């Protein structure tokens, strides 16, 4: 939970894929002050979901 950049997310996915035998899915939660509702960010990284949530 916290802010993450696209390159950081891609690197984490790559590292996890190299050390886990199966498929790995990653969920990032990014708390944003004043955000009225949940918002999904599509970064185009397979197996990775990033969601902005109200803080």
C-alpha atoms as a PDB file:
ATOM      1  CA  UNK A   1       0.000   0.000   0.000  1.00  0.00           C
ATOM      2  CA  UNK A   2       1.438   3.331  -1.042  1.00  0.00           C
ATOM      3  CA  UNK A   3       2.590   5.165  -4.120  1.00  0.00           C
ATOM      4  CA  UNK A   4       4.470   3.110  -6.721  1.00  0.00           C
ATOM      5  CA  UNK A   5       5.758   3.999 -10.172  1.00  0.00           C
ATOM      6  CA  UNK A   6       5.182   2.013 -13.358  1.00  0.00           C
ATOM      7  CA  UNK A   7       8.865   0.968 -13.590  1.00  0.00           C
ATOM      8  CA  UNK A   8       8.823  -0.171  -9.936  1.00  0.00           C
ATOM      9  CA  UNK A   9       5.662  -2.214 -10.529  1.00  0.00           C
ATOM     10  CA  UNK A  10       7.146  -3.832 -13.636  1.00  0.00           C
ATOM     11  CA  UNK A  11      10.379  -4.653 -11.799  1.00  0.00           C
ATOM     12  CA  UNK A  12       8.518  -6.247  -8.881  1.00  0.00           C
ATOM     13  CA  UNK A  13       6.477  -8.350 -11.316  1.00  0.00           C
ATOM     14  CA  UNK A  14       9.645  -9.488 -13.052  1.00  0.00           C
ATOM     15  CA  UNK A  15      11.380 -10.419  -9.791  1.00  0.00           C
ATOM     16  CA  UNK A  16       8.362 -12.322  -8.471  1.00  0.00           C
ATOM     17  CA  UNK A  17       7.966 -14.180 -11.775  1.00  0.00           C
ATOM     18  CA  UNK A  18      11.586 -15.314 -11.563  1.00  0.00           C
ATOM     19  CA  UNK A  19      11.262 -16.738  -8.036  1.00  0.00           C
ATOM     20  CA  UNK A  20       7.733 -18.193  -8.014  1.00  0.00           C
ATOM     21  CA  UNK A  21       6.775 -21.383  -9.858  1.00  0.00           C
ATOM     22  CA  UNK A  22       3.229 -20.260 -10.756  1.00  0.00           C
ATOM     23  CA  UNK A  23       1.487 -17.149 -11.999  1.00  0.00           C
ATOM     24  CA  UNK A  24       1.693 -14.194  -9.637  1.00  0.00           C
ATOM     25  CA  UNK A  25      -0.822 -11.333  -9.448  1.00  0.00           C
ATOM     26  CA  UNK A  26      -0.025  -8.025  -7.754  1.00  0.00           C
ATOM     27  CA  UNK A  27      -2.429  -5.465  -6.301  1.00  0.00           C
ATOM     28  CA  UNK A  28      -1.177  -1.983  -5.465  1.00  0.00           C
ATOM     29  CA  UNK A  29      -3.373   0.290  -3.333  1.00  0.00           C
ATOM     30  CA  UNK A  30      -2.528   3.985  -3.591  1.00  0.00           C
ATOM     31  CA  UNK A  31      -4.329   6.106  -0.947  1.00  0.00           C
ATOM     32  CA  UNK A  32      -5.233   9.567  -2.288  1.00  0.00           C
ATOM     33  CA  UNK A  33      -6.548  12.382  -0.091  1.00  0.00           C
ATOM     34  CA  UNK A  34      -9.841  13.840  -1.276  1.00  0.00           C
ATOM     35  CA  UNK A  35     -10.559  11.087  -3.795  1.00  0.00           C
ATOM     36  CA  UNK A  36     -14.347  10.516  -3.771  1.00  0.00           C
ATOM     37  CA  UNK A  37     -14.286   6.875  -4.921  1.00  0.00           C
ATOM     38  CA  UNK A  38     -12.041   4.004  -5.992  1.00  0.00           C
ATOM     39  CA  UNK A  39     -10.256   4.490  -9.333  1.00  0.00           C
ATOM     40  CA  UNK A  40      -8.405   1.757 -11.244  1.00  0.00           C
ATOM     41  CA  UNK A  41      -5.254   2.746 -13.154  1.00  0.00           C
ATOM     42  CA  UNK A  42      -4.514   0.666 -16.263  1.00  0.00           C
ATOM     43  CA  UNK A  43      -0.754   0.511 -16.651  1.00  0.00           C
ATOM     44  CA  UNK A  44      -0.842  -2.293 -19.217  1.00  0.00           C
ATOM     45  CA  UNK A  45       1.230  -4.656 -17.060  1.00  0.00           C
ATOM     46  CA  UNK A  46      -0.107  -8.217 -17.156  1.00  0.00           C
ATOM     47  CA  UNK A  47      -0.986  -9.541 -13.702  1.00  0.00           C
ATOM     48  CA  UNK A  48      -0.745  -6.121 -12.057  1.00  0.00           C
ATOM     49  CA  UNK A  49      -3.636  -3.998 -10.830  1.00  0.00           C
ATOM     50  CA  UNK A  50      -3.191  -0.528  -9.371  1.00  0.00           C
ATOM     51  CA  UNK A  51      -6.105   1.113  -7.586  1.00  0.00           C
ATOM     52  CA  UNK A  52      -6.311   4.589  -6.107  1.00  0.00           C
ATOM     53  CA  UNK A  53      -8.414   4.554  -2.954  1.00  0.00           C
ATOM     54  CA  UNK A  54      -9.659   7.365  -0.685  1.00  0.00           C
ATOM     55  CA  UNK A  55      -7.248   7.845   2.201  1.00  0.00           C
END
